[in-house]
PDB file of N, CA and C in Angstrom:
ATOM      1  N   MET A   1      11.228  17.606 -18.446  1.00  0.00           N
ATOM      2  CA  MET A   1       9.789  17.811 -18.588  1.00  0.00           C
ATOM      3  C   MET A   1       9.532  19.257 -18.999  1.00  0.00           C
ATOM      4  N   ASP A   2       8.690  19.467 -20.003  1.00  0.00           N
ATOM      5  CA  ASP A   2       8.367  20.826 -20.427  1.00  0.00           C
ATOM      6  C   ASP A   2       6.967  21.196 -19.951  1.00  0.00           C
ATOM      7  N   SER A   3       6.524  22.390 -20.289  1.00  0.00           N
ATOM      8  CA  SER A   3       5.223  22.872 -19.817  1.00  0.00           C
ATOM      9  C   SER A   3       4.060  22.172 -20.516  1.00  0.00           C
ATOM     10  N   GLN A   4       4.377  21.315 -21.487  1.00  0.00           N
ATOM     11  CA  GLN A   4       3.323  20.601 -22.204  1.00  0.00           C
ATOM     12  C   GLN A   4       2.914  19.315 -21.494  1.00  0.00           C
ATOM     13  N   THR A   5       3.678  18.928 -20.458  1.00  0.00           N
ATOM     14  CA  THR A   5       3.341  17.705 -19.731  1.00  0.00           C
ATOM     15  C   THR A   5       3.209  18.011 -18.240  1.00  0.00           C
ATOM     16  N   ILE A   6       2.415  17.184 -17.565  1.00  0.00           N
ATOM     17  CA  ILE A   6       2.267  17.279 -16.112  1.00  0.00           C
ATOM     18  C   ILE A   6       2.515  15.888 -15.530  1.00  0.00           C
ATOM     19  N   VAL A   7       2.819  15.843 -14.250  1.00  0.00           N
ATOM     20  CA  VAL A   7       3.029  14.566 -13.579  1.00  0.00           C
ATOM     21  C   VAL A   7       1.862  14.321 -12.640  1.00  0.00           C
ATOM     22  N   VAL A   8       1.234  13.149 -12.778  1.00  0.00           N
ATOM     23  CA  VAL A   8       0.116  12.766 -11.915  1.00  0.00           C
ATOM     24  C   VAL A   8       0.357  11.347 -11.412  1.00  0.00           C
ATOM     25  N   GLU A   9      -0.374  10.975 -10.388  1.00  0.00           N
ATOM     26  CA  GLU A   9      -0.327   9.607  -9.888  1.00  0.00           C
ATOM     27  C   GLU A   9      -1.677   8.963 -10.153  1.00  0.00           C
ATOM     28  N   VAL A  10      -1.662   7.665 -10.416  1.00  0.00           N
ATOM     29  CA  VAL A  10      -2.894   6.891 -10.567  1.00  0.00           C
ATOM     30  C   VAL A  10      -2.794   5.728  -9.588  1.00  0.00           C
ATOM     31  N   VAL A  11      -3.839   5.547  -8.771  1.00  0.00           N
ATOM     32  CA  VAL A  11      -3.808   4.480  -7.769  1.00  0.00           C
ATOM     33  C   VAL A  11      -5.061   3.615  -7.862  1.00  0.00           C
ATOM     34  N   TYR A  12      -4.875   2.344  -7.484  1.00  0.00           N
ATOM     35  CA  TYR A  12      -5.993   1.406  -7.395  1.00  0.00           C
ATOM     36  C   TYR A  12      -5.642   0.426  -6.291  1.00  0.00           C
ATOM     37  N   ALA A  13      -6.651   0.004  -5.543  1.00  0.00           N
ATOM     38  CA  ALA A  13      -6.380  -0.923  -4.448  1.00  0.00           C
ATOM     39  C   ALA A  13      -7.471  -1.961  -4.320  1.00  0.00           C
ATOM     40  N   LEU A  14      -7.038  -3.169  -4.027  1.00  0.00           N
ATOM     41  CA  LEU A  14      -7.907  -4.258  -3.599  1.00  0.00           C
ATOM     42  C   LEU A  14      -7.582  -4.487  -2.128  1.00  0.00           C
ATOM     43  N   PRO A  15      -8.382  -5.266  -1.410  1.00  0.00           N
ATOM     44  CA  PRO A  15      -8.066  -5.496  -0.005  1.00  0.00           C
ATOM     45  C   PRO A  15      -6.656  -6.050   0.223  1.00  0.00           C
ATOM     46  N   ASP A  16      -6.136  -6.832  -0.730  1.00  0.00           N
ATOM     47  CA  ASP A  16      -4.846  -7.484  -0.519  1.00  0.00           C
ATOM     48  C   ASP A  16      -3.735  -6.997  -1.451  1.00  0.00           C
ATOM     49  N   LYS A  17      -4.023  -6.027  -2.318  1.00  0.00           N
ATOM     50  CA  LYS A  17      -3.013  -5.568  -3.273  1.00  0.00           C
ATOM     51  C   LYS A  17      -3.328  -4.139  -3.697  1.00  0.00           C
ATOM     52  N   GLN A  18      -2.295  -3.310  -3.766  1.00  0.00           N
ATOM     53  CA  GLN A  18      -2.500  -1.952  -4.255  1.00  0.00           C
ATOM     54  C   GLN A  18      -1.349  -1.546  -5.169  1.00  0.00           C
ATOM     55  N   LYS A  19      -1.625  -0.571  -6.010  1.00  0.00           N
ATOM     56  CA  LYS A  19      -0.612  -0.141  -6.975  1.00  0.00           C
ATOM     57  C   LYS A  19      -0.722   1.366  -7.148  1.00  0.00           C
ATOM     58  N   LEU A  20       0.422   2.044  -7.125  1.00  0.00           N
ATOM     59  CA  LEU A  20       0.488   3.477  -7.390  1.00  0.00           C
ATOM     60  C   LEU A  20       1.470   3.682  -8.536  1.00  0.00           C
ATOM     61  N   LEU A  21       1.016   4.364  -9.560  1.00  0.00           N
ATOM     62  CA  LEU A  21       1.865   4.636 -10.721  1.00  0.00           C
ATOM     63  C   LEU A  21       2.007   6.141 -10.912  1.00  0.00           C
ATOM     64  N   LYS A  22       3.218   6.583 -11.201  1.00  0.00           N
ATOM     65  CA  LYS A  22       3.469   7.990 -11.500  1.00  0.00           C
ATOM     66  C   LYS A  22       3.558   8.111 -13.019  1.00  0.00           C
ATOM     67  N   LEU A  23       2.802   9.055 -13.576  1.00  0.00           N
ATOM     68  CA  LEU A  23       2.770   9.212 -15.033  1.00  0.00           C
ATOM     69  C   LEU A  23       3.072  10.643 -15.448  1.00  0.00           C
ATOM     70  N   SER A  24       3.752  10.793 -16.561  1.00  0.00           N
ATOM     71  CA  SER A  24       3.853  12.096 -17.223  1.00  0.00           C
ATOM     72  C   SER A  24       2.824  12.057 -18.338  1.00  0.00           C
ATOM     73  N   VAL A  25       1.890  12.993 -18.288  1.00  0.00           N
ATOM     74  CA  VAL A  25       0.814  13.024 -19.288  1.00  0.00           C
ATOM     75  C   VAL A  25       0.757  14.405 -19.925  1.00  0.00           C
ATOM     76  N   PRO A  26       0.195  14.491 -21.117  1.00  0.00           N
ATOM     77  CA  PRO A  26       0.076  15.799 -21.759  1.00  0.00           C
ATOM     78  C   PRO A  26      -0.819  16.731 -20.942  1.00  0.00           C
ATOM     79  N   SER A  27      -0.468  17.981 -20.909  1.00  0.00           N
ATOM     80  CA  SER A  27      -1.307  18.989 -20.262  1.00  0.00           C
ATOM     81  C   SER A  27      -2.678  18.942 -20.936  1.00  0.00           C
ATOM     82  N   GLY A  28      -3.749  18.976 -20.162  1.00  0.00           N
ATOM     83  CA  GLY A  28      -5.093  18.883 -20.736  1.00  0.00           C
ATOM     84  C   GLY A  28      -5.686  17.488 -20.633  1.00  0.00           C
ATOM     85  N   THR A  29      -4.927  16.538 -20.070  1.00  0.00           N
ATOM     86  CA  THR A  29      -5.414  15.170 -19.906  1.00  0.00           C
ATOM     87  C   THR A  29      -6.543  15.143 -18.875  1.00  0.00           C
ATOM     88  N   THR A  30      -7.594  14.384 -19.179  1.00  0.00           N
ATOM     89  CA  THR A  30      -8.712  14.275 -18.234  1.00  0.00           C
ATOM     90  C   THR A  30      -8.449  13.138 -17.242  1.00  0.00           C
ATOM     91  N   VAL A  31      -9.275  13.096 -16.205  1.00  0.00           N
ATOM     92  CA  VAL A  31      -9.167  12.056 -15.186  1.00  0.00           C
ATOM     93  C   VAL A  31      -9.293  10.675 -15.828  1.00  0.00           C
ATOM     94  N   ARG A  32     -10.303  10.494 -16.677  1.00  0.00           N
ATOM     95  CA  ARG A  32     -10.508   9.192 -17.331  1.00  0.00           C
ATOM     96  C   ARG A  32      -9.322   8.829 -18.231  1.00  0.00           C
ATOM     97  N   GLN A  33      -8.828   9.810 -18.992  1.00  0.00           N
ATOM     98  CA  GLN A  33      -7.698   9.543 -19.884  1.00  0.00           C
ATOM     99  C   GLN A  33      -6.475   9.081 -19.103  1.00  0.00           C
ATOM    100  N   ALA A  34      -6.219   9.702 -17.954  1.00  0.00           N
ATOM    101  CA  ALA A  34      -5.068   9.309 -17.138  1.00  0.00           C
ATOM    102  C   ALA A  34      -5.236   7.875 -16.646  1.00  0.00           C
ATOM    103  N   ALA A  35      -6.456   7.530 -16.232  1.00  0.00           N
ATOM    104  CA  ALA A  35      -6.712   6.157 -15.773  1.00  0.00           C
ATOM    105  C   ALA A  35      -6.437   5.175 -16.908  1.00  0.00           C
ATOM    106  N   LEU A  36      -6.899   5.504 -18.102  1.00  0.00           N
ATOM    107  CA  LEU A  36      -6.686   4.624 -19.255  1.00  0.00           C
ATOM    108  C   LEU A  36      -5.199   4.545 -19.625  1.00  0.00           C
ATOM    109  N   LEU A  37      -4.508   5.681 -19.575  1.00  0.00           N
ATOM    110  CA  LEU A  37      -3.081   5.717 -19.913  1.00  0.00           C
ATOM    111  C   LEU A  37      -2.240   4.938 -18.901  1.00  0.00           C
ATOM    112  N   SER A  38      -2.737   4.810 -17.677  1.00  0.00           N
ATOM    113  CA  SER A  38      -1.970   4.145 -16.620  1.00  0.00           C
ATOM    114  C   SER A  38      -1.736   2.664 -16.916  1.00  0.00           C
ATOM    115  N   GLY A  39      -2.630   2.055 -17.689  1.00  0.00           N
ATOM    116  CA  GLY A  39      -2.518   0.623 -17.941  1.00  0.00           C
ATOM    117  C   GLY A  39      -2.772  -0.202 -16.684  1.00  0.00           C
ATOM    118  N   MET A  40      -3.457   0.370 -15.716  1.00  0.00           N
ATOM    119  CA  MET A  40      -3.716  -0.304 -14.445  1.00  0.00           C
ATOM    120  C   MET A  40      -4.448  -1.626 -14.645  1.00  0.00           C
ATOM    121  N   ASP A  41      -5.243  -1.718 -15.714  1.00  0.00           N
ATOM    122  CA  ASP A  41      -5.975  -2.967 -15.968  1.00  0.00           C
ATOM    123  C   ASP A  41      -5.028  -4.119 -16.318  1.00  0.00           C
ATOM    124  N   GLY A  42      -3.785  -3.809 -16.681  1.00  0.00           N
ATOM    125  CA  GLY A  42      -2.794  -4.852 -16.913  1.00  0.00           C
ATOM    126  C   GLY A  42      -2.315  -5.477 -15.603  1.00  0.00           C
ATOM    127  N   HIS A  43      -2.380  -4.702 -14.522  1.00  0.00           N
ATOM    128  CA  HIS A  43      -1.966  -5.191 -13.202  1.00  0.00           C
ATOM    129  C   HIS A  43      -3.121  -5.866 -12.466  1.00  0.00           C
ATOM    130  N   PHE A  44      -4.357  -5.482 -12.831  1.00  0.00           N
ATOM    131  CA  PHE A  44      -5.548  -6.013 -12.175  1.00  0.00           C
ATOM    132  C   PHE A  44      -6.511  -6.526 -13.244  1.00  0.00           C
ATOM    133  N   PRO A  45      -6.346  -7.781 -13.676  1.00  0.00           N
ATOM    134  CA  PRO A  45      -7.227  -8.325 -14.715  1.00  0.00           C
ATOM    135  C   PRO A  45      -8.699  -8.186 -14.316  1.00  0.00           C
ATOM    136  N   GLY A  46      -9.515  -7.768 -15.263  1.00  0.00           N
ATOM    137  CA  GLY A  46     -10.941  -7.594 -14.986  1.00  0.00           C
ATOM    138  C   GLY A  46     -11.308  -6.175 -14.598  1.00  0.00           C
ATOM    139  N   LEU A  47     -10.319  -5.334 -14.345  1.00  0.00           N
ATOM    140  CA  LEU A  47     -10.602  -3.932 -13.992  1.00  0.00           C
ATOM    141  C   LEU A  47     -11.111  -3.206 -15.233  1.00  0.00           C
ATOM    142  N   ASP A  48     -12.266  -2.548 -15.104  1.00  0.00           N
ATOM    143  CA  ASP A  48     -12.878  -1.815 -16.223  1.00  0.00           C
ATOM    144  C   ASP A  48     -12.580  -0.328 -16.068  1.00  0.00           C
ATOM    145  N   LEU A  49     -11.491   0.114 -16.689  1.00  0.00           N
ATOM    146  CA  LEU A  49     -11.091   1.521 -16.557  1.00  0.00           C
ATOM    147  C   LEU A  49     -12.076   2.468 -17.229  1.00  0.00           C
ATOM    148  N   GLN A  50     -12.768   1.991 -18.250  1.00  0.00           N
ATOM    149  CA  GLN A  50     -13.725   2.849 -18.954  1.00  0.00           C
ATOM    150  C   GLN A  50     -14.985   3.083 -18.121  1.00  0.00           C
ATOM    151  N   GLY A  51     -15.330   2.119 -17.264  1.00  0.00           N
ATOM    152  CA  GLY A  51     -16.573   2.243 -16.507  1.00  0.00           C
ATOM    153  C   GLY A  51     -16.409   2.474 -15.020  1.00  0.00           C
ATOM    154  N   SER A  52     -15.182   2.372 -14.502  1.00  0.00           N
ATOM    155  CA  SER A  52     -14.967   2.523 -13.058  1.00  0.00           C
ATOM    156  C   SER A  52     -15.209   3.951 -12.598  1.00  0.00           C
ATOM    157  N   PRO A  53     -15.782   4.095 -11.372  1.00  0.00           N
ATOM    158  CA  PRO A  53     -15.871   5.442 -10.793  1.00  0.00           C
ATOM    159  C   PRO A  53     -14.459   5.928 -10.460  1.00  0.00           C
ATOM    160  N   LEU A  54     -14.220   7.227 -10.627  1.00  0.00           N
ATOM    161  CA  LEU A  54     -12.896   7.803 -10.402  1.00  0.00           C
ATOM    162  C   LEU A  54     -12.986   8.989  -9.458  1.00  0.00           C
ATOM    163  N   GLY A  55     -11.863   9.296  -8.825  1.00  0.00           N
ATOM    164  CA  GLY A  55     -11.806  10.441  -7.925  1.00  0.00           C
ATOM    165  C   GLY A  55     -10.416  11.039  -7.912  1.00  0.00           C
ATOM    166  N   ILE A  56     -10.305  12.163  -7.210  1.00  0.00           N
ATOM    167  CA  ILE A  56      -9.023  12.836  -7.026  1.00  0.00           C
ATOM    168  C   ILE A  56      -8.871  13.109  -5.537  1.00  0.00           C
ATOM    169  N   PHE A  57      -7.800  12.602  -4.951  1.00  0.00           N
ATOM    170  CA  PHE A  57      -7.515  12.792  -3.523  1.00  0.00           C
ATOM    171  C   PHE A  57      -8.734  12.500  -2.643  1.00  0.00           C
ATOM    172  N   GLY A  58      -9.422  11.377  -2.882  1.00  0.00           N
ATOM    173  CA  GLY A  58     -10.515  10.962  -2.007  1.00  0.00           C
ATOM    174  C   GLY A  58     -11.868  11.569  -2.303  1.00  0.00           C
ATOM    175  N   LYS A  59     -11.976  12.390  -3.327  1.00  0.00           N
ATOM    176  CA  LYS A  59     -13.272  12.970  -3.686  1.00  0.00           C
ATOM    177  C   LYS A  59     -13.678  12.462  -5.058  1.00  0.00           C
ATOM    178  N   ALA A  60     -14.862  11.877  -5.134  1.00  0.00           N
ATOM    179  CA  ALA A  60     -15.358  11.356  -6.406  1.00  0.00           C
ATOM    180  C   ALA A  60     -15.503  12.490  -7.412  1.00  0.00           C
ATOM    181  N   VAL A  61     -15.181  12.198  -8.662  1.00  0.00           N
ATOM    182  CA  VAL A  61     -15.314  13.171  -9.750  1.00  0.00           C
ATOM    183  C   VAL A  61     -16.554  12.783 -10.546  1.00  0.00           C
ATOM    184  N   ALA A  62     -17.541  13.693 -10.594  1.00  0.00           N
ATOM    185  CA  ALA A  62     -18.812  13.401 -11.252  1.00  0.00           C
ATOM    186  C   ALA A  62     -18.638  13.173 -12.754  1.00  0.00           C
ATOM    187  N   LYS A  63     -17.769  13.952 -13.389  1.00  0.00           N
ATOM    188  CA  LYS A  63     -17.586  13.840 -14.840  1.00  0.00           C
ATOM    189  C   LYS A  63     -16.105  13.633 -15.164  1.00  0.00           C
ATOM    190  N   PRO A  64     -15.599  12.407 -14.930  1.00  0.00           N
ATOM    191  CA  PRO A  64     -14.161  12.160 -15.141  1.00  0.00           C
ATOM    192  C   PRO A  64     -13.715  12.289 -16.595  1.00  0.00           C
ATOM    193  N   ASP A  65     -14.667  12.225 -17.527  1.00  0.00           N
ATOM    194  CA  ASP A  65     -14.302  12.375 -18.940  1.00  0.00           C
ATOM    195  C   ASP A  65     -14.110  13.845 -19.309  1.00  0.00           C
ATOM    196  N   GLU A  66     -14.531  14.753 -18.419  1.00  0.00           N
ATOM    197  CA  GLU A  66     -14.426  16.185 -18.695  1.00  0.00           C
ATOM    198  C   GLU A  66     -13.429  16.895 -17.783  1.00  0.00           C
ATOM    199  N   ARG A  67     -13.237  16.382 -16.569  1.00  0.00           N
ATOM    200  CA  ARG A  67     -12.386  17.058 -15.574  1.00  0.00           C
ATOM    201  C   ARG A  67     -10.916  16.943 -15.974  1.00  0.00           C
ATOM    202  N   VAL A  68     -10.284  18.102 -16.221  1.00  0.00           N
ATOM    203  CA  VAL A  68      -8.880  18.139 -16.637  1.00  0.00           C
ATOM    204  C   VAL A  68      -7.993  18.132 -15.387  1.00  0.00           C
ATOM    205  N   LEU A  69      -6.941  17.344 -15.436  1.00  0.00           N
ATOM    206  CA  LEU A  69      -6.024  17.214 -14.295  1.00  0.00           C
ATOM    207  C   LEU A  69      -5.043  18.374 -14.195  1.00  0.00           C
ATOM    208  N   GLN A  70      -4.634  18.632 -12.960  1.00  0.00           N
ATOM    209  CA  GLN A  70      -3.584  19.604 -12.673  1.00  0.00           C
ATOM    210  C   GLN A  70      -2.323  18.832 -12.288  1.00  0.00           C
ATOM    211  N   ASP A  71      -1.179  19.461 -12.435  1.00  0.00           N
ATOM    212  CA  ASP A  71       0.089  18.830 -12.074  1.00  0.00           C
ATOM    213  C   ASP A  71       0.068  18.396 -10.606  1.00  0.00           C
ATOM    214  N   GLY A  72       0.488  17.159 -10.354  1.00  0.00           N
ATOM    215  CA  GLY A  72       0.605  16.670  -8.983  1.00  0.00           C
ATOM    216  C   GLY A  72      -0.634  16.005  -8.413  1.00  0.00           C
ATOM    217  N   GLU A  73      -1.736  15.988  -9.142  1.00  0.00           N
ATOM    218  CA  GLU A  73      -2.956  15.369  -8.606  1.00  0.00           C
ATOM    219  C   GLU A  73      -2.865  13.850  -8.634  1.00  0.00           C
ATOM    220  N   ARG A  74      -3.642  13.215  -7.741  1.00  0.00           N
ATOM    221  CA  ARG A  74      -3.671  11.755  -7.666  1.00  0.00           C
ATOM    222  C   ARG A  74      -5.050  11.259  -8.084  1.00  0.00           C
ATOM    223  N   VAL A  75      -5.085  10.503  -9.164  1.00  0.00           N
ATOM    224  CA  VAL A  75      -6.326   9.897  -9.657  1.00  0.00           C
ATOM    225  C   VAL A  75      -6.533   8.584  -8.918  1.00  0.00           C
ATOM    226  N   GLU A  76      -7.718   8.404  -8.359  1.00  0.00           N
ATOM    227  CA  GLU A  76      -8.045   7.167  -7.655  1.00  0.00           C
ATOM    228  C   GLU A  76      -9.113   6.423  -8.430  1.00  0.00           C
ATOM    229  N   ILE A  77      -8.859   5.154  -8.673  1.00  0.00           N
ATOM    230  CA  ILE A  77      -9.819   4.294  -9.364  1.00  0.00           C
ATOM    231  C   ILE A  77     -10.575   3.548  -8.281  1.00  0.00           C
ATOM    232  N   TYR A  78     -11.891   3.723  -8.246  1.00  0.00           N
ATOM    233  CA  TYR A  78     -12.694   3.102  -7.197  1.00  0.00           C
ATOM    234  C   TYR A  78     -13.309   1.796  -7.684  1.00  0.00           C
ATOM    235  N   ARG A  79     -13.462   0.869  -6.745  1.00  0.00           N
ATOM    236  CA  ARG A  79     -14.162  -0.385  -7.048  1.00  0.00           C
ATOM    237  C   ARG A  79     -15.653  -0.115  -7.002  1.00  0.00           C
ATOM    238  N   PRO A  80     -16.433  -0.795  -7.836  1.00  0.00           N
ATOM    239  CA  PRO A  80     -17.889  -0.614  -7.764  1.00  0.00           C
ATOM    240  C   PRO A  80     -18.416  -1.134  -6.435  1.00  0.00           C
ATOM    241  N   LEU A  81     -19.460  -0.505  -5.924  1.00  0.00           N
ATOM    242  CA  LEU A  81     -20.064  -0.946  -4.667  1.00  0.00           C
ATOM    243  C   LEU A  81     -20.748  -2.286  -4.886  1.00  0.00           C
ATOM    244  N   ILE A  82     -20.530  -3.207  -3.972  1.00  0.00           N
ATOM    245  CA  ILE A  82     -21.181  -4.508  -4.057  1.00  0.00           C
ATOM    246  C   ILE A  82     -22.580  -4.410  -3.455  1.00  0.00           C
ATOM    247  N   ALA A  83     -22.724  -3.610  -2.399  1.00  0.00           N
ATOM    248  CA  ALA A  83     -24.017  -3.441  -1.737  1.00  0.00           C
ATOM    249  C   ALA A  83     -24.269  -1.951  -1.524  1.00  0.00           C
ATOM    250  N   ASP A  84     -25.519  -1.561  -1.617  1.00  0.00           N
ATOM    251  CA  ASP A  84     -25.902  -0.171  -1.391  1.00  0.00           C
ATOM    252  C   ASP A  84     -25.770   0.129   0.110  1.00  0.00           C
ATOM    253  N   PRO A  85     -24.953   1.135   0.491  1.00  0.00           N
ATOM    254  CA  PRO A  85     -24.746   1.422   1.911  1.00  0.00           C
ATOM    255  C   PRO A  85     -26.043   1.712   2.678  1.00  0.00           C
ATOM    256  N   LYS A  86     -27.002   2.367   2.039  1.00  0.00           N
ATOM    257  CA  LYS A  86     -28.279   2.654   2.709  1.00  0.00           C
ATOM    258  C   LYS A  86     -29.023   1.359   3.027  1.00  0.00           C
ATOM    259  N   GLU A  87     -28.995   0.438   2.087  1.00  0.00           N
ATOM    260  CA  GLU A  87     -29.675  -0.841   2.273  1.00  0.00           C
ATOM    261  C   GLU A  87     -29.012  -1.650   3.389  1.00  0.00           C
ATOM    262  N   VAL A  88     -27.687  -1.626   3.434  1.00  0.00           N
ATOM    263  CA  VAL A  88     -26.954  -2.347   4.477  1.00  0.00           C
ATOM    264  C   VAL A  88     -27.308  -1.782   5.855  1.00  0.00           C
ATOM    265  N   ARG A  89     -27.367  -0.450   5.977  1.00  0.00           N
ATOM    266  CA  ARG A  89     -27.732   0.182   7.257  1.00  0.00           C
ATOM    267  C   ARG A  89     -29.145  -0.198   7.666  1.00  0.00           C
ATOM    268  N   LYS A  90     -30.052  -0.217   6.685  1.00  0.00           N
ATOM    269  CA  LYS A  90     -31.450  -0.572   6.951  1.00  0.00           C
ATOM    270  C   LYS A  90     -31.544  -2.004   7.488  1.00  0.00           C
ATOM    271  N   GLN A  91     -30.807  -2.920   6.856  1.00  0.00           N
ATOM    272  CA  GLN A  91     -30.816  -4.322   7.298  1.00  0.00           C
ATOM    273  C   GLN A  91     -30.233  -4.458   8.696  1.00  0.00           C
ATOM    274  N   ARG A  92     -29.174  -3.711   8.976  1.00  0.00           N
ATOM    275  CA  ARG A  92     -28.550  -3.766  10.300  1.00  0.00           C
ATOM    276  C   ARG A  92     -29.508  -3.248  11.368  1.00  0.00           C
ATOM    277  N   ALA A  93     -30.216  -2.163  11.076  1.00  0.00           N
ATOM    278  CA  ALA A  93     -31.177  -1.591  12.021  1.00  0.00           C
ATOM    279  C   ALA A  93     -32.335  -2.554  12.268  1.00  0.00           C
ATOM    280  N   ALA A  94     -32.786  -3.228  11.217  1.00  0.00           N
ATOM    281  CA  ALA A  94     -33.891  -4.184  11.363  1.00  0.00           C
ATOM    282  C   ALA A  94     -33.458  -5.363  12.241  1.00  0.00           C
ATOM    283  N   LYS A  95     -32.228  -5.843  12.060  1.00  0.00           N
ATOM    284  CA  LYS A  95     -31.707  -6.939  12.878  1.00  0.00           C
ATOM    285  C   LYS A  95     -31.618  -6.525  14.345  1.00  0.00           C
ATOM    286  N   ALA A  96     -31.130  -5.320  14.586  1.00  0.00           N
ATOM    287  CA  ALA A  96     -30.989  -4.822  15.956  1.00  0.00           C
ATOM    288  C   ALA A  96     -32.362  -4.688  16.609  1.00  0.00           C
ATOM    289  N   ALA A  97     -33.341  -4.189  15.865  1.00  0.00           N
ATOM    290  CA  ALA A  97     -34.696  -4.047  16.406  1.00  0.00           C
ATOM    291  C   ALA A  97     -35.296  -5.413  16.718  1.00  0.00           C
ATOM    292  N   GLN A  98     -35.059  -6.374  15.849  1.00  0.00           N
ATOM    293  CA  GLN A  98     -35.575  -7.718  16.065  1.00  0.00           C
ATOM    294  C   GLN A  98     -34.927  -8.354  17.302  1.00  0.00           C
ATOM    295  N   ALA A  99     -33.627  -8.189  17.465  1.00  0.00           N
ATOM    296  CA  ALA A  99     -32.929  -8.734  18.619  1.00  0.00           C
ATOM    297  C   ALA A  99     -33.429  -8.088  19.902  1.00  0.00           C
ATOM    298  N   LYS A 100     -33.709  -6.786  19.852  1.00  0.00           N
ATOM    299  CA  LYS A 100     -34.207  -6.062  21.025  1.00  0.00           C
ATOM    300  C   LYS A 100     -35.604  -6.577  21.391  1.00  0.00           C
ATOM    301  N   ALA A 101     -36.438  -6.786  20.382  1.00  0.00           N
ATOM    302  CA  ALA A 101     -37.810  -7.274  20.613  1.00  0.00           C
ATOM    303  C   ALA A 101     -37.776  -8.685  21.202  1.00  0.00           C
ATOM    304  N   GLU A 102     -36.871  -9.519  20.690  1.00  0.00           N
ATOM    305  CA  GLU A 102     -36.776 -10.892  21.200  1.00  0.00           C
ATOM    306  C   GLU A 102     -36.279 -10.930  22.647  1.00  0.00           C
ATOM    307  N   SER A 103     -35.337 -10.054  22.984  1.00  0.00           N
ATOM    308  CA  SER A 103     -34.820 -10.044  24.358  1.00  0.00           C
ATOM    309  C   SER A 103     -35.852  -9.466  25.321  1.00  0.00           C
ATOM    310  N   ALA A 104     -36.734  -8.609  24.824  1.00  0.00           N
ATOM    311  CA  ALA A 104     -37.780  -8.034  25.675  1.00  0.00           C
ATOM    312  C   ALA A 104     -38.861  -9.066  25.974  1.00  0.00           C
ATOM    313  N   GLN A 105     -39.042 -10.046  25.098  1.00  0.00           N
ATOM    314  CA  GLN A 105     -40.063 -11.066  25.290  1.00  0.00           C
ATOM    315  C   GLN A 105     -39.615 -12.131  26.294  1.00  0.00           C
ATOM    316  N   GLU A 106     -38.346 -12.227  26.553  1.00  0.00           N
ATOM    317  CA  GLU A 106     -37.844 -13.279  27.454  1.00  0.00           C
ATOM    318  C   GLU A 106     -38.096 -12.988  28.896  1.00  0.00           C
TER     319      GLU A 106
END
């Protein structure tokens, strides 16, 4: 390996399957480019590497098409949220309040 390439990892996980790939990529490769180069969509049919949210070591990257990778970093491909976490919390709180009100009436 020369100074023109760096080694990064690309990971993706489903509840029942995960994959970690080690890649040698050209120096200057962006987060999105590494995800695309990984070919992860070949292992997970339906995975949209162009549109998926991405991160590095557990932190979301706001502009993955611009953020250049450093040697040794791990690119994480995130699944899109199925439900808005704020909305889920709101629904849970409403259910708890309703259950409390019903038990108080008994």
